[in-house]
């Protein structure tokens, strides 16, 4: 399922309810060091960031959480600064 304009993003509390499953999906995809921003965005580290992986994982997280989970790589400087809470 893609993200449409009407679809809302998951909140931090909605992501945290599913934190263990979210961490498992991220680890299975080779994404490490998950952190969350106050708005529910998740930032991860990858040695080889890939939009293909990002899209696949985002779809999996949507199925788990029930809403779109904003997912960013920490290679984006701003993302690395604002997502500081461990997931």
C-alpha atoms as a PDB file:
ATOM      1  CA  UNK A   1       0.000   0.000   0.000  1.00  0.00           C
ATOM      2  CA  UNK A   2       1.402   3.375  -0.936  1.00  0.00           C
ATOM      3  CA  UNK A   3       1.153   6.579   0.981  1.00  0.00           C
ATOM      4  CA  UNK A   4      -1.582   8.839  -0.336  1.00  0.00           C
ATOM      5  CA  UNK A   5      -2.201  12.449   0.529  1.00  0.00           C
ATOM      6  CA  UNK A   6      -5.070  11.483   2.822  1.00  0.00           C
ATOM      7  CA  UNK A   7      -3.044   8.908   4.733  1.00  0.00           C
ATOM      8  CA  UNK A   8      -1.705  10.106   8.030  1.00  0.00           C
ATOM      9  CA  UNK A   9       1.625   9.242   9.557  1.00  0.00           C
ATOM     10  CA  UNK A  10       1.975   7.203  12.714  1.00  0.00           C
ATOM     11  CA  UNK A  11       2.586   9.062  15.948  1.00  0.00           C
ATOM     12  CA  UNK A  12       5.479   8.253  18.252  1.00  0.00           C
ATOM     13  CA  UNK A  13       3.164   6.435  20.672  1.00  0.00           C
ATOM     14  CA  UNK A  14       1.686   4.337  17.848  1.00  0.00           C
ATOM     15  CA  UNK A  15       5.144   3.288  16.707  1.00  0.00           C
ATOM     16  CA  UNK A  16       6.309   2.548  20.276  1.00  0.00           C
ATOM     17  CA  UNK A  17       3.353   0.173  20.850  1.00  0.00           C
ATOM     18  CA  UNK A  18       4.884  -1.984  18.113  1.00  0.00           C
ATOM     19  CA  UNK A  19       8.549  -1.223  18.907  1.00  0.00           C
ATOM     20  CA  UNK A  20       9.716  -4.841  19.132  1.00  0.00           C
ATOM     21  CA  UNK A  21       8.173  -5.805  15.778  1.00  0.00           C
ATOM     22  CA  UNK A  22       9.455  -2.579  14.193  1.00  0.00           C
ATOM     23  CA  UNK A  23      12.994  -3.263  15.442  1.00  0.00           C
ATOM     24  CA  UNK A  24      12.781  -6.839  14.084  1.00  0.00           C
ATOM     25  CA  UNK A  25      11.782  -5.648  10.594  1.00  0.00           C
ATOM     26  CA  UNK A  26      14.550  -3.046  10.605  1.00  0.00           C
ATOM     27  CA  UNK A  27      17.161  -5.579  11.724  1.00  0.00           C
ATOM     28  CA  UNK A  28      16.031  -8.105   9.099  1.00  0.00           C
ATOM     29  CA  UNK A  29      16.620  -5.409   6.463  1.00  0.00           C
ATOM     30  CA  UNK A  30      20.108  -4.658   7.816  1.00  0.00           C
ATOM     31  CA  UNK A  31      19.065  -1.312   9.282  1.00  0.00           C
ATOM     32  CA  UNK A  32      20.668  -0.529  12.634  1.00  0.00           C
ATOM     33  CA  UNK A  33      20.549   1.977  15.490  1.00  0.00           C
ATOM     34  CA  UNK A  34      16.838   2.873  15.236  1.00  0.00           C
ATOM     35  CA  UNK A  35      15.954   6.182  16.865  1.00  0.00           C
ATOM     36  CA  UNK A  36      12.718   8.080  16.957  1.00  0.00           C
ATOM     37  CA  UNK A  37      11.853  11.751  16.751  1.00  0.00           C
ATOM     38  CA  UNK A  38       9.079  13.326  18.786  1.00  0.00           C
ATOM     39  CA  UNK A  39       6.805  13.270  15.724  1.00  0.00           C
ATOM     40  CA  UNK A  40       7.140   9.472  15.311  1.00  0.00           C
ATOM     41  CA  UNK A  41       9.681   9.523  12.480  1.00  0.00           C
ATOM     42  CA  UNK A  42      12.214   6.707  12.675  1.00  0.00           C
ATOM     43  CA  UNK A  43      15.856   7.208  11.734  1.00  0.00           C
ATOM     44  CA  UNK A  44      18.162   4.266  11.051  1.00  0.00           C
ATOM     45  CA  UNK A  45      21.745   3.615  10.030  1.00  0.00           C
ATOM     46  CA  UNK A  46      22.651   1.638   6.932  1.00  0.00           C
ATOM     47  CA  UNK A  47      26.078   0.981   5.456  1.00  0.00           C
ATOM     48  CA  UNK A  48      24.432   1.018   2.017  1.00  0.00           C
ATOM     49  CA  UNK A  49      21.335   3.270   2.099  1.00  0.00           C
ATOM     50  CA  UNK A  50      18.867   2.230  -0.578  1.00  0.00           C
ATOM     51  CA  UNK A  51      15.532   3.702  -1.584  1.00  0.00           C
ATOM     52  CA  UNK A  52      14.420   0.203  -2.579  1.00  0.00           C
ATOM     53  CA  UNK A  53      15.021  -1.052   0.962  1.00  0.00           C
ATOM     54  CA  UNK A  54      13.405   2.082   2.386  1.00  0.00           C
ATOM     55  CA  UNK A  55      10.259   1.513   0.341  1.00  0.00           C
ATOM     56  CA  UNK A  56      10.018  -2.186   1.194  1.00  0.00           C
ATOM     57  CA  UNK A  57      10.558  -1.620   4.907  1.00  0.00           C
ATOM     58  CA  UNK A  58       8.125   1.296   5.002  1.00  0.00           C
ATOM     59  CA  UNK A  59       5.449  -0.972   3.514  1.00  0.00           C
ATOM     60  CA  UNK A  60       6.170  -3.642   6.138  1.00  0.00           C
ATOM     61  CA  UNK A  61       6.018  -1.097   8.961  1.00  0.00           C
ATOM     62  CA  UNK A  62       2.704   0.227   7.660  1.00  0.00           C
ATOM     63  CA  UNK A  63       1.262  -3.291   7.907  1.00  0.00           C
ATOM     64  CA  UNK A  64       2.477  -3.614  11.504  1.00  0.00           C
ATOM     65  CA  UNK A  65       1.627  -0.160  12.855  1.00  0.00           C
ATOM     66  CA  UNK A  66      -1.482   0.507  10.770  1.00  0.00           C
ATOM     67  CA  UNK A  67      -0.323   3.925   9.605  1.00  0.00           C
ATOM     68  CA  UNK A  68       2.526   5.246   7.487  1.00  0.00           C
ATOM     69  CA  UNK A  69       5.823   5.224   9.408  1.00  0.00           C
ATOM     70  CA  UNK A  70       8.191   7.962   8.248  1.00  0.00           C
ATOM     71  CA  UNK A  71      11.598   6.333   7.867  1.00  0.00           C
ATOM     72  CA  UNK A  72      14.873   8.154   7.197  1.00  0.00           C
ATOM     73  CA  UNK A  73      18.537   7.225   6.978  1.00  0.00           C
ATOM     74  CA  UNK A  74      20.916   8.959   9.372  1.00  0.00           C
ATOM     75  CA  UNK A  75      23.048   9.970   6.406  1.00  0.00           C
ATOM     76  CA  UNK A  76      20.611  12.887   6.181  1.00  0.00           C
ATOM     77  CA  UNK A  77      22.257  15.347   8.598  1.00  0.00           C
ATOM     78  CA  UNK A  78      19.017  16.860   9.886  1.00  0.00           C
ATOM     79  CA  UNK A  79      17.498  13.437  10.575  1.00  0.00           C
ATOM     80  CA  UNK A  80      20.536  12.374  12.569  1.00  0.00           C
ATOM     81  CA  UNK A  81      20.147  15.446  14.785  1.00  0.00           C
ATOM     82  CA  UNK A  82      16.401  15.413  15.514  1.00  0.00           C
ATOM     83  CA  UNK A  83      15.797  11.712  16.121  1.00  0.00           C
ATOM     84  CA  UNK A  84      17.594  10.991  19.357  1.00  0.00           C
ATOM     85  CA  UNK A  85      15.316   8.690  21.377  1.00  0.00           C
ATOM     86  CA  UNK A  86      16.206   4.999  21.093  1.00  0.00           C
ATOM     87  CA  UNK A  87      13.400   2.885  19.659  1.00  0.00           C
END
